[in-house]
Amino acid sequence: MLDPEPEGPVPSPAARLRAVLEAPGIAVVPGCHDAMGARLIARAGLPAAFLSGYAVSAARLGLPDAGLISYREMLDAGREVCAASPIPVIGDADTGFGNPVNVRRTIAGYHQAGFACVMIEDQVFPKRCGFAQGLEVAPREEALMRLRAALDARDAIRKAGGDLLVIGRTDSRAAVGLDEALWRAQAFAELGADIVYFEAPQSTQEMEALHRVTGATPTMLAQVEKPGRPFLAPKQAEAIGYDILLLGVTLLNVVIRAQQDALALMAQGQHPGPDRLLPFDELYDRVGFNAYYEMERRYAR
């Protein structure tokens, strides 16, 4: 709301994300859970943000990513983040929150909220995060029907003059096995997904296999700071063929760690020192006071 007014036509969020995909090199995309996080991602010079269901569930509800957060709660968070973000935002839409008709409503709602792209996955409903226990995926036919509904909604948006990208995500590597994950990734690409996301590859060889079956369709690799999972530098992921490197829960992790450390000191009767805090003037600026005053002066008599 307080950003400078743009000069000339502004490309849609989807068009800006498409430009990110077409630019040379891999795009590093952090996950966020609120408007401030999205603004800080943009301020750091990163090209896009990801509204993580894992992070929103944790930050807004204090609950795990186990299908407990609703469509409306994610949509409300998305409106706030997209309105505040000067960069395109990818929205985590889980399984679409129900049957194919629900999926179409979800895609339309996320587009209206301002997302550049929506991610739909093939887990059963209610879902859980991709590295939780008890992971299950829907049968092939249901998974394909769900993505087809999302792509139909995307196409209807484009036909009406809007724009949106859709990520087809499969969690079948952990739930079923590699062959099934590759089959679904290829099927999602052939169905018309704008981006394909294969969750939890176990090695660089599996990552390379993904690119053999998806061809020219852009792909996304999620990096999670979890023992036993491959963790690639951006250049390594780019060399394999990835277009987006997603750091979905890194900022949530950092925030929780910083709060725990500060609170531990407070509980001992101490206070976080200057080395743990932003200078007050910088905090004042980050939350938007300087931009607010500049806007206020514009309308002063």
C-alpha atoms as a PDB file:
ATOM      1  CA  MET A   1       0.000   0.000   0.000  1.00  0.00           C
ATOM      2  CA  LEU A   2       2.867   2.377   0.786  1.00  0.00           C
ATOM      3  CA  ASP A   3       5.099   1.457  -2.144  1.00  0.00           C
ATOM      4  CA  PRO A   4       5.850   4.151  -4.759  1.00  0.00           C
ATOM      5  CA  GLU A   5       3.233   4.343  -7.477  1.00  0.00           C
ATOM      6  CA  PRO A   6       4.479   2.607 -10.653  1.00  0.00           C
ATOM      7  CA  GLU A   7       4.860   4.433 -13.928  1.00  0.00           C
ATOM      8  CA  GLY A   8       3.132   2.805 -16.887  1.00  0.00           C
ATOM      9  CA  PRO A   9       1.446  -0.600 -17.111  1.00  0.00           C
ATOM     10  CA  VAL A  10       2.439  -3.136 -14.466  1.00  0.00           C
ATOM     11  CA  PRO A  11       2.862  -6.765 -15.581  1.00  0.00           C
ATOM     12  CA  SER A  12       0.674  -9.261 -13.768  1.00  0.00           C
ATOM     13  CA  PRO A  13       2.225 -11.329 -10.948  1.00  0.00           C
ATOM     14  CA  ALA A  14       2.117 -14.378 -13.237  1.00  0.00           C
ATOM     15  CA  ALA A  15       3.888 -12.483 -16.035  1.00  0.00           C
ATOM     16  CA  ARG A  16       6.589 -11.382 -13.604  1.00  0.00           C
ATOM     17  CA  LEU A  17       7.081 -14.959 -12.377  1.00  0.00           C
ATOM     18  CA  ARG A  18       7.217 -16.192 -15.964  1.00  0.00           C
ATOM     19  CA  ALA A  19       9.982 -13.655 -16.595  1.00  0.00           C
ATOM     20  CA  VAL A  20      11.844 -15.047 -13.567  1.00  0.00           C
ATOM     21  CA  LEU A  21      11.601 -18.552 -15.048  1.00  0.00           C
ATOM     22  CA  GLU A  22      12.827 -17.324 -18.434  1.00  0.00           C
ATOM     23  CA  ALA A  23      15.792 -15.415 -17.014  1.00  0.00           C
ATOM     24  CA  PRO A  24      19.227 -17.091 -16.989  1.00  0.00           C
ATOM     25  CA  GLY A  25      20.167 -19.013 -13.857  1.00  0.00           C
ATOM     26  CA  ILE A  26      18.142 -20.601 -11.094  1.00  0.00           C
ATOM     27  CA  ALA A  27      15.719 -18.579  -8.947  1.00  0.00           C
ATOM     28  CA  VAL A  28      16.186 -18.917  -5.173  1.00  0.00           C
ATOM     29  CA  VAL A  29      12.714 -18.582  -3.628  1.00  0.00           C
ATOM     30  CA  PRO A  30      12.335 -18.487   0.171  1.00  0.00           C
ATOM     31  CA  GLY A  31       9.133 -19.410   1.936  1.00  0.00           C
ATOM     32  CA  CYS A  32       7.369 -16.882   4.142  1.00  0.00           C
ATOM     33  CA  HIS A  33       4.375 -16.834   6.455  1.00  0.00           C
ATOM     34  CA  ASP A  34       3.479 -13.140   6.641  1.00  0.00           C
ATOM     35  CA  ALA A  35       3.629  -9.804   4.854  1.00  0.00           C
ATOM     36  CA  MET A  36       6.800  -8.676   6.614  1.00  0.00           C
ATOM     37  CA  GLY A  37       8.608 -11.827   5.485  1.00  0.00           C
ATOM     38  CA  ALA A  38       7.557 -11.231   1.884  1.00  0.00           C
ATOM     39  CA  ARG A  39       8.789  -7.633   2.018  1.00  0.00           C
ATOM     40  CA  LEU A  40      12.130  -8.683   3.488  1.00  0.00           C
ATOM     41  CA  ILE A  41      12.539 -11.312   0.756  1.00  0.00           C
ATOM     42  CA  ALA A  42      11.998  -8.606  -1.859  1.00  0.00           C
ATOM     43  CA  ARG A  43      14.327  -6.208  -0.050  1.00  0.00           C
ATOM     44  CA  ALA A  44      17.072  -8.851  -0.154  1.00  0.00           C
ATOM     45  CA  GLY A  45      16.823  -8.832  -3.955  1.00  0.00           C
ATOM     46  CA  LEU A  46      15.284 -12.277  -4.348  1.00  0.00           C
ATOM     47  CA  PRO A  47      12.911 -12.663  -7.302  1.00  0.00           C
ATOM     48  CA  ALA A  48       9.860 -14.346  -5.746  1.00  0.00           C
ATOM     49  CA  ALA A  49       8.380 -15.601  -2.485  1.00  0.00           C
ATOM     50  CA  PHE A  50       6.491 -18.756  -1.537  1.00  0.00           C
ATOM     51  CA  LEU A  51       3.592 -18.691   0.936  1.00  0.00           C
ATOM     52  CA  SER A  52       4.234 -21.932   2.788  1.00  0.00           C
ATOM     53  CA  GLY A  53       1.317 -23.866   4.274  1.00  0.00           C
ATOM     54  CA  TYR A  54       3.747 -25.391   6.777  1.00  0.00           C
ATOM     55  CA  ALA A  55       4.872 -21.934   7.910  1.00  0.00           C
ATOM     56  CA  VAL A  56       1.414 -20.326   7.920  1.00  0.00           C
ATOM     57  CA  SER A  57      -0.033 -23.205   9.954  1.00  0.00           C
ATOM     58  CA  ALA A  58       2.792 -22.881  12.465  1.00  0.00           C
ATOM     59  CA  ALA A  59       2.779 -19.070  12.676  1.00  0.00           C
ATOM     60  CA  ARG A  60      -0.965 -18.387  12.544  1.00  0.00           C
ATOM     61  CA  LEU A  61      -2.367 -21.415  14.338  1.00  0.00           C
ATOM     62  CA  GLY A  62       0.572 -22.779  16.304  1.00  0.00           C
ATOM     63  CA  LEU A  63      -0.251 -26.140  14.707  1.00  0.00           C
ATOM     64  CA  PRO A  64       1.628 -28.594  12.474  1.00  0.00           C
ATOM     65  CA  ASP A  65       1.116 -28.868   8.724  1.00  0.00           C
ATOM     66  CA  ALA A  66      -1.220 -31.852   8.959  1.00  0.00           C
ATOM     67  CA  GLY A  67      -4.300 -30.657   7.085  1.00  0.00           C
ATOM     68  CA  LEU A  68      -5.502 -28.525  10.000  1.00  0.00           C
ATOM     69  CA  ILE A  69      -5.417 -25.150   8.271  1.00  0.00           C
ATOM     70  CA  SER A  70      -8.420 -24.244   6.118  1.00  0.00           C
ATOM     71  CA  TYR A  71      -8.832 -22.748   2.676  1.00  0.00           C
ATOM     72  CA  ARG A  72     -10.142 -19.512   4.172  1.00  0.00           C
ATOM     73  CA  GLU A  73      -7.211 -19.171   6.582  1.00  0.00           C
ATOM     74  CA  MET A  74      -4.681 -19.693   3.781  1.00  0.00           C
ATOM     75  CA  LEU A  75      -6.580 -17.296   1.531  1.00  0.00           C
ATOM     76  CA  ASP A  76      -6.613 -14.575   4.195  1.00  0.00           C
ATOM     77  CA  ALA A  77      -2.867 -14.979   4.731  1.00  0.00           C
ATOM     78  CA  GLY A  78      -2.359 -14.909   0.967  1.00  0.00           C
ATOM     79  CA  ARG A  79      -4.252 -11.658   0.482  1.00  0.00           C
ATOM     80  CA  GLU A  80      -2.103  -9.953   3.115  1.00  0.00           C
ATOM     81  CA  VAL A  81       1.157 -11.274   1.688  1.00  0.00           C
ATOM     82  CA  CYS A  82       0.332 -10.582  -1.965  1.00  0.00           C
ATOM     83  CA  ALA A  83      -0.882  -7.064  -1.173  1.00  0.00           C
ATOM     84  CA  ALA A  84       2.371  -6.275   0.640  1.00  0.00           C
ATOM     85  CA  SER A  85       4.761  -8.024  -1.729  1.00  0.00           C
ATOM     86  CA  PRO A  86       6.410  -6.165  -4.619  1.00  0.00           C
ATOM     87  CA  ILE A  87       7.556  -9.520  -6.053  1.00  0.00           C
ATOM     88  CA  PRO A  88       5.455 -12.443  -7.346  1.00  0.00           C
ATOM     89  CA  VAL A  89       4.192 -14.917  -4.752  1.00  0.00           C
ATOM     90  CA  ILE A  90       3.653 -18.659  -5.200  1.00  0.00           C
ATOM     91  CA  GLY A  91       0.782 -20.021  -3.105  1.00  0.00           C
ATOM     92  CA  ASP A  92       0.713 -23.405  -1.408  1.00  0.00           C
ATOM     93  CA  ALA A  93      -2.799 -24.743  -2.006  1.00  0.00           C
ATOM     94  CA  ASP A  94      -2.221 -28.253  -0.618  1.00  0.00           C
ATOM     95  CA  THR A  95      -4.669 -30.671  -2.263  1.00  0.00           C
ATOM     96  CA  GLY A  96      -7.040 -27.904  -3.296  1.00  0.00           C
ATOM     97  CA  PHE A  97      -9.086 -28.385  -0.115  1.00  0.00           C
ATOM     98  CA  GLY A  98     -11.464 -31.025  -1.427  1.00  0.00           C
ATOM     99  CA  ASN A  99     -12.806 -32.532  -4.638  1.00  0.00           C
ATOM    100  CA  PRO A 100     -12.164 -31.169  -8.168  1.00  0.00           C
ATOM    101  CA  VAL A 101     -14.891 -28.546  -7.747  1.00  0.00           C
ATOM    102  CA  ASN A 102     -13.182 -27.357  -4.553  1.00  0.00           C
ATOM    103  CA  VAL A 103      -9.903 -27.282  -6.479  1.00  0.00           C
ATOM    104  CA  ARG A 104     -11.375 -24.970  -9.105  1.00  0.00           C
ATOM    105  CA  ARG A 105     -12.721 -22.660  -6.400  1.00  0.00           C
ATOM    106  CA  THR A 106      -9.326 -22.672  -4.687  1.00  0.00           C
ATOM    107  CA  ILE A 107      -7.497 -21.742  -7.888  1.00  0.00           C
ATOM    108  CA  ALA A 108      -9.949 -18.909  -8.596  1.00  0.00           C
ATOM    109  CA  GLY A 109      -9.697 -17.636  -5.025  1.00  0.00           C
ATOM    110  CA  TYR A 110      -5.907 -17.674  -5.002  1.00  0.00           C
ATOM    111  CA  HIS A 111      -5.840 -15.786  -8.303  1.00  0.00           C
ATOM    112  CA  GLN A 112      -8.177 -13.132  -6.914  1.00  0.00           C
ATOM    113  CA  ALA A 113      -5.948 -12.844  -3.840  1.00  0.00           C
ATOM    114  CA  GLY A 114      -3.036 -11.846  -6.088  1.00  0.00           C
ATOM    115  CA  PHE A 115      -0.916 -14.979  -6.354  1.00  0.00           C
ATOM    116  CA  ALA A 116       1.290 -15.478  -9.390  1.00  0.00           C
ATOM    117  CA  CYS A 117       1.207 -19.249  -9.137  1.00  0.00           C
ATOM    118  CA  VAL A 118      -0.604 -21.981  -7.206  1.00  0.00           C
ATOM    119  CA  MET A 119       0.779 -25.369  -6.169  1.00  0.00           C
ATOM    120  CA  ILE A 120      -1.504 -28.421  -6.140  1.00  0.00           C
ATOM    121  CA  GLU A 121      -0.312 -31.758  -4.757  1.00  0.00           C
ATOM    122  CA  ASP A 122      -1.394 -35.381  -5.004  1.00  0.00           C
ATOM    123  CA  GLN A 123      -1.667 -36.352  -1.343  1.00  0.00           C
ATOM    124  CA  VAL A 124      -4.890 -37.676   0.150  1.00  0.00           C
ATOM    125  CA  PHE A 125      -7.117 -35.150   1.900  1.00  0.00           C
ATOM    126  CA  PRO A 126      -6.476 -34.052   4.627  1.00  0.00           C
ATOM    127  CA  LYS A 127      -2.775 -33.839   3.765  1.00  0.00           C
ATOM    128  CA  ARG A 128       0.377 -33.361   5.798  1.00  0.00           C
ATOM    129  CA  CYS A 129       3.810 -31.920   5.113  1.00  0.00           C
ATOM    130  CA  GLY A 130       6.021 -33.902   2.740  1.00  0.00           C
ATOM    131  CA  PHE A 131       8.402 -35.137   5.432  1.00  0.00           C
ATOM    132  CA  ALA A 132       5.817 -36.071   8.076  1.00  0.00           C
ATOM    133  CA  GLN A 133       4.959 -39.594   9.138  1.00  0.00           C
ATOM    134  CA  GLY A 134       2.018 -41.421   7.560  1.00  0.00           C
ATOM    135  CA  LEU A 135       2.254 -39.806   4.132  1.00  0.00           C
ATOM    136  CA  GLU A 136      -0.294 -41.099   1.576  1.00  0.00           C
ATOM    137  CA  VAL A 137      -1.043 -40.093  -1.992  1.00  0.00           C
ATOM    138  CA  ALA A 138      -4.283 -40.285  -3.929  1.00  0.00           C
ATOM    139  CA  PRO A 139      -4.649 -42.915  -6.680  1.00  0.00           C
ATOM    140  CA  ARG A 140      -3.307 -41.929 -10.097  1.00  0.00           C
ATOM    141  CA  GLU A 141      -6.737 -41.207 -11.567  1.00  0.00           C
ATOM    142  CA  GLU A 142      -7.694 -38.924  -8.687  1.00  0.00           C
ATOM    143  CA  ALA A 143      -4.344 -37.126  -8.756  1.00  0.00           C
ATOM    144  CA  LEU A 144      -4.651 -36.451 -12.483  1.00  0.00           C
ATOM    145  CA  MET A 145      -8.279 -35.343 -12.160  1.00  0.00           C
ATOM    146  CA  ARG A 146      -7.304 -32.913  -9.382  1.00  0.00           C
ATOM    147  CA  LEU A 147      -4.555 -31.346 -11.469  1.00  0.00           C
ATOM    148  CA  ARG A 148      -6.801 -31.254 -14.532  1.00  0.00           C
ATOM    149  CA  ALA A 149      -9.372 -29.287 -12.515  1.00  0.00           C
ATOM    150  CA  ALA A 150      -6.640 -26.840 -11.465  1.00  0.00           C
ATOM    151  CA  LEU A 151      -5.462 -26.422 -15.056  1.00  0.00           C
ATOM    152  CA  ASP A 152      -9.034 -25.956 -16.290  1.00  0.00           C
ATOM    153  CA  ALA A 153      -9.467 -23.169 -13.723  1.00  0.00           C
ATOM    154  CA  ARG A 154      -6.147 -21.647 -14.837  1.00  0.00           C
ATOM    155  CA  ASP A 155      -7.254 -21.742 -18.473  1.00  0.00           C
ATOM    156  CA  ALA A 156     -10.593 -20.118 -17.595  1.00  0.00           C
ATOM    157  CA  ILE A 157      -8.698 -17.318 -15.835  1.00  0.00           C
ATOM    158  CA  ARG A 158      -6.520 -16.789 -18.904  1.00  0.00           C
ATOM    159  CA  LYS A 159      -9.515 -16.863 -21.229  1.00  0.00           C
ATOM    160  CA  ALA A 160     -11.104 -14.107 -19.124  1.00  0.00           C
ATOM    161  CA  GLY A 161      -7.983 -11.948 -19.521  1.00  0.00           C
ATOM    162  CA  GLY A 162      -6.169 -12.889 -16.318  1.00  0.00           C
ATOM    163  CA  ASP A 163      -3.033 -14.942 -15.859  1.00  0.00           C
ATOM    164  CA  LEU A 164      -1.839 -17.621 -13.458  1.00  0.00           C
ATOM    165  CA  LEU A 165       0.694 -20.451 -13.314  1.00  0.00           C
ATOM    166  CA  VAL A 166       0.086 -23.871 -11.748  1.00  0.00           C
ATOM    167  CA  ILE A 167       2.620 -26.198 -10.138  1.00  0.00           C
ATOM    168  CA  GLY A 168       1.860 -29.917 -10.218  1.00  0.00           C
ATOM    169  CA  ARG A 169       3.430 -31.557  -7.163  1.00  0.00           C
ATOM    170  CA  THR A 170       3.840 -35.245  -6.402  1.00  0.00           C
ATOM    171  CA  ASP A 171       4.627 -36.663  -2.954  1.00  0.00           C
ATOM    172  CA  SER A 172       4.651 -40.233  -4.230  1.00  0.00           C
ATOM    173  CA  ARG A 173       8.419 -40.765  -3.850  1.00  0.00           C
ATOM    174  CA  ALA A 174       8.120 -41.143  -0.071  1.00  0.00           C
ATOM    175  CA  ALA A 175       4.634 -42.667  -0.123  1.00  0.00           C
ATOM    176  CA  VAL A 176       5.045 -45.228  -2.945  1.00  0.00           C
ATOM    177  CA  GLY A 177       8.457 -45.154  -4.619  1.00  0.00           C
ATOM    178  CA  LEU A 178      10.637 -43.642  -7.308  1.00  0.00           C
ATOM    179  CA  ASP A 179       8.956 -45.213 -10.335  1.00  0.00           C
ATOM    180  CA  GLU A 180       5.568 -43.869  -9.299  1.00  0.00           C
ATOM    181  CA  ALA A 181       6.990 -40.410  -8.633  1.00  0.00           C
ATOM    182  CA  LEU A 182       8.585 -40.296 -12.091  1.00  0.00           C
ATOM    183  CA  TRP A 183       5.391 -41.543 -13.736  1.00  0.00           C
ATOM    184  CA  ARG A 184       3.352 -38.821 -12.071  1.00  0.00           C
ATOM    185  CA  ALA A 185       5.904 -36.097 -12.780  1.00  0.00           C
ATOM    186  CA  GLN A 186       5.831 -37.006 -16.468  1.00  0.00           C
ATOM    187  CA  ALA A 187       2.027 -37.174 -16.467  1.00  0.00           C
ATOM    188  CA  PHE A 188       1.775 -33.761 -14.795  1.00  0.00           C
ATOM    189  CA  ALA A 189       4.098 -32.249 -17.407  1.00  0.00           C
ATOM    190  CA  GLU A 190       2.143 -33.821 -20.257  1.00  0.00           C
ATOM    191  CA  LEU A 191      -1.137 -32.628 -18.764  1.00  0.00           C
ATOM    192  CA  GLY A 192       0.107 -29.039 -18.988  1.00  0.00           C
ATOM    193  CA  ALA A 193       1.443 -28.062 -15.564  1.00  0.00           C
ATOM    194  CA  ASP A 194       3.521 -24.884 -15.837  1.00  0.00           C
ATOM    195  CA  ILE A 195       6.027 -26.226 -13.285  1.00  0.00           C
ATOM    196  CA  VAL A 196       6.580 -29.741 -11.915  1.00  0.00           C
ATOM    197  CA  TYR A 197       7.670 -30.402  -8.350  1.00  0.00           C
ATOM    198  CA  PHE A 198       8.864 -33.881  -7.280  1.00  0.00           C
ATOM    199  CA  GLU A 199       8.991 -33.873  -3.465  1.00  0.00           C
ATOM    200  CA  ALA A 200      11.785 -35.653  -1.575  1.00  0.00           C
ATOM    201  CA  PRO A 201      14.206 -36.967  -4.211  1.00  0.00           C
ATOM    202  CA  GLN A 202      16.740 -39.133  -2.394  1.00  0.00           C
ATOM    203  CA  SER A 203      19.787 -38.426  -4.575  1.00  0.00           C
ATOM    204  CA  THR A 204      21.080 -36.315  -7.432  1.00  0.00           C
ATOM    205  CA  GLN A 205      20.524 -39.354  -9.688  1.00  0.00           C
ATOM    206  CA  GLU A 206      16.798 -39.193  -8.909  1.00  0.00           C
ATOM    207  CA  MET A 207      16.806 -35.462  -9.599  1.00  0.00           C
ATOM    208  CA  GLU A 208      18.400 -36.096 -12.982  1.00  0.00           C
ATOM    209  CA  ALA A 209      15.811 -38.791 -13.733  1.00  0.00           C
ATOM    210  CA  LEU A 210      13.066 -36.221 -13.093  1.00  0.00           C
ATOM    211  CA  HIS A 211      14.423 -34.007 -15.841  1.00  0.00           C
ATOM    212  CA  ARG A 212      14.593 -36.863 -18.300  1.00  0.00           C
ATOM    213  CA  VAL A 213      10.833 -37.450 -17.953  1.00  0.00           C
ATOM    214  CA  THR A 214       9.621 -33.826 -17.707  1.00  0.00           C
ATOM    215  CA  GLY A 215      11.497 -32.496 -20.738  1.00  0.00           C
ATOM    216  CA  ALA A 216      11.250 -28.735 -21.174  1.00  0.00           C
ATOM    217  CA  THR A 217       8.711 -28.172 -18.375  1.00  0.00           C
ATOM    218  CA  PRO A 218      10.247 -25.989 -15.629  1.00  0.00           C
ATOM    219  CA  THR A 219      10.965 -27.784 -12.356  1.00  0.00           C
ATOM    220  CA  MET A 220      11.298 -26.833  -8.707  1.00  0.00           C
ATOM    221  CA  LEU A 221      13.532 -28.368  -6.020  1.00  0.00           C
ATOM    222  CA  ALA A 222      12.644 -27.883  -2.349  1.00  0.00           C
ATOM    223  CA  GLN A 223      15.506 -27.756   0.125  1.00  0.00           C
ATOM    224  CA  VAL A 224      14.796 -28.658   3.753  1.00  0.00           C
ATOM    225  CA  GLU A 225      17.392 -28.518   6.510  1.00  0.00           C
ATOM    226  CA  LYS A 226      16.731 -32.091   7.610  1.00  0.00           C
ATOM    227  CA  PRO A 227      19.350 -34.805   8.208  1.00  0.00           C
ATOM    228  CA  GLY A 228      19.447 -37.447   5.496  1.00  0.00           C
ATOM    229  CA  ARG A 229      18.083 -35.251   2.704  1.00  0.00           C
ATOM    230  CA  PRO A 230      20.266 -33.935  -0.131  1.00  0.00           C
ATOM    231  CA  PHE A 231      21.023 -30.225   0.211  1.00  0.00           C
ATOM    232  CA  LEU A 232      22.331 -28.596  -2.959  1.00  0.00           C
ATOM    233  CA  ALA A 233      23.812 -25.181  -3.568  1.00  0.00           C
ATOM    234  CA  PRO A 234      21.886 -23.163  -6.195  1.00  0.00           C
ATOM    235  CA  LYS A 235      24.553 -23.749  -8.855  1.00  0.00           C
ATOM    236  CA  GLN A 236      24.424 -27.512  -8.252  1.00  0.00           C
ATOM    237  CA  ALA A 237      20.630 -27.552  -8.624  1.00  0.00           C
ATOM    238  CA  GLU A 238      20.874 -25.399 -11.740  1.00  0.00           C
ATOM    239  CA  ALA A 239      23.404 -27.792 -13.292  1.00  0.00           C
ATOM    240  CA  ILE A 240      20.903 -30.651 -12.880  1.00  0.00           C
ATOM    241  CA  GLY A 241      18.244 -28.595 -14.650  1.00  0.00           C
ATOM    242  CA  TYR A 242      16.123 -26.993 -11.944  1.00  0.00           C
ATOM    243  CA  ASP A 243      14.567 -23.571 -12.502  1.00  0.00           C
ATOM    244  CA  ILE A 244      13.500 -22.799  -8.901  1.00  0.00           C
ATOM    245  CA  LEU A 245      15.260 -23.617  -5.640  1.00  0.00           C
ATOM    246  CA  LEU A 246      12.681 -23.407  -2.860  1.00  0.00           C
ATOM    247  CA  LEU A 247      13.751 -22.809   0.750  1.00  0.00           C
ATOM    248  CA  GLY A 248      10.281 -23.332   2.152  1.00  0.00           C
ATOM    249  CA  VAL A 249      10.759 -23.359   5.923  1.00  0.00           C
ATOM    250  CA  THR A 250      14.190 -21.768   6.365  1.00  0.00           C
ATOM    251  CA  LEU A 251      12.874 -18.354   7.445  1.00  0.00           C
ATOM    252  CA  LEU A 252      10.371 -19.940   9.848  1.00  0.00           C
ATOM    253  CA  ASN A 253      13.243 -21.932  11.356  1.00  0.00           C
ATOM    254  CA  VAL A 254      15.376 -18.806  11.753  1.00  0.00           C
ATOM    255  CA  VAL A 255      12.503 -16.850  13.325  1.00  0.00           C
ATOM    256  CA  ILE A 256      11.669 -19.575  15.848  1.00  0.00           C
ATOM    257  CA  ARG A 257      15.335 -19.994  16.760  1.00  0.00           C
ATOM    258  CA  ALA A 258      15.792 -16.240  17.284  1.00  0.00           C
ATOM    259  CA  GLN A 259      12.647 -15.986  19.433  1.00  0.00           C
ATOM    260  CA  GLN A 260      13.649 -18.980  21.544  1.00  0.00           C
ATOM    261  CA  ASP A 261      17.119 -17.564  22.152  1.00  0.00           C
ATOM    262  CA  ALA A 262      15.750 -14.143  23.146  1.00  0.00           C
ATOM    263  CA  LEU A 263      13.076 -15.608  25.396  1.00  0.00           C
ATOM    264  CA  ALA A 264      15.600 -17.860  27.142  1.00  0.00           C
ATOM    265  CA  LEU A 265      17.559 -14.747  28.088  1.00  0.00           C
ATOM    266  CA  MET A 266      14.424 -12.951  29.286  1.00  0.00           C
ATOM    267  CA  ALA A 267      13.464 -15.953  31.414  1.00  0.00           C
ATOM    268  CA  GLN A 268      16.852 -15.638  33.142  1.00  0.00           C
ATOM    269  CA  GLY A 269      16.287 -11.965  33.879  1.00  0.00           C
ATOM    270  CA  GLN A 270      18.547 -10.854  31.041  1.00  0.00           C
ATOM    271  CA  HIS A 271      17.904  -8.991  27.808  1.00  0.00           C
ATOM    272  CA  PRO A 272      19.038  -9.642  24.228  1.00  0.00           C
ATOM    273  CA  GLY A 273      22.045  -7.404  23.609  1.00  0.00           C
ATOM    274  CA  PRO A 274      22.611  -5.045  20.675  1.00  0.00           C
ATOM    275  CA  ASP A 275      24.240  -7.852  18.687  1.00  0.00           C
ATOM    276  CA  ARG A 276      20.864  -9.653  18.594  1.00  0.00           C
ATOM    277  CA  LEU A 277      18.744  -6.612  17.760  1.00  0.00           C
ATOM    278  CA  LEU A 278      18.248  -4.257  14.844  1.00  0.00           C
ATOM    279  CA  PRO A 279      19.096  -0.648  15.651  1.00  0.00           C
ATOM    280  CA  PHE A 280      15.829   1.065  16.516  1.00  0.00           C
ATOM    281  CA  ASP A 281      15.998   3.386  13.493  1.00  0.00           C
ATOM    282  CA  GLU A 282      16.345   0.345  11.243  1.00  0.00           C
ATOM    283  CA  LEU A 283      13.418  -1.416  12.926  1.00  0.00           C
ATOM    284  CA  TYR A 284      11.387   1.786  12.523  1.00  0.00           C
ATOM    285  CA  ASP A 285      12.160   1.806   8.797  1.00  0.00           C
ATOM    286  CA  ARG A 286      11.551  -1.915   8.245  1.00  0.00           C
ATOM    287  CA  VAL A 287       8.030  -1.798   9.634  1.00  0.00           C
ATOM    288  CA  GLY A 288       7.240   1.072   7.254  1.00  0.00           C
ATOM    289  CA  PHE A 289       7.155   4.299   9.275  1.00  0.00           C
ATOM    290  CA  ASN A 290       9.454   6.242   6.931  1.00  0.00           C
ATOM    291  CA  ALA A 291       7.390   5.237   3.894  1.00  0.00           C
ATOM    292  CA  TYR A 292       4.235   6.185   5.784  1.00  0.00           C
ATOM    293  CA  TYR A 293       5.565   9.636   6.668  1.00  0.00           C
ATOM    294  CA  GLU A 294       6.636  10.203   3.074  1.00  0.00           C
ATOM    295  CA  MET A 295       3.126   9.380   1.898  1.00  0.00           C
ATOM    296  CA  GLU A 296       1.661  11.577   4.640  1.00  0.00           C
ATOM    297  CA  ARG A 297       3.778  14.559   3.504  1.00  0.00           C
ATOM    298  CA  ARG A 298       2.451  14.155  -0.015  1.00  0.00           C
ATOM    299  CA  TYR A 299      -1.044  15.067   1.203  1.00  0.00           C
ATOM    300  CA  ALA A 300      -0.044  17.706   3.758  1.00  0.00           C
ATOM    301  CA  ARG A 301      -1.363  21.219   3.239  1.00  0.00           C
END
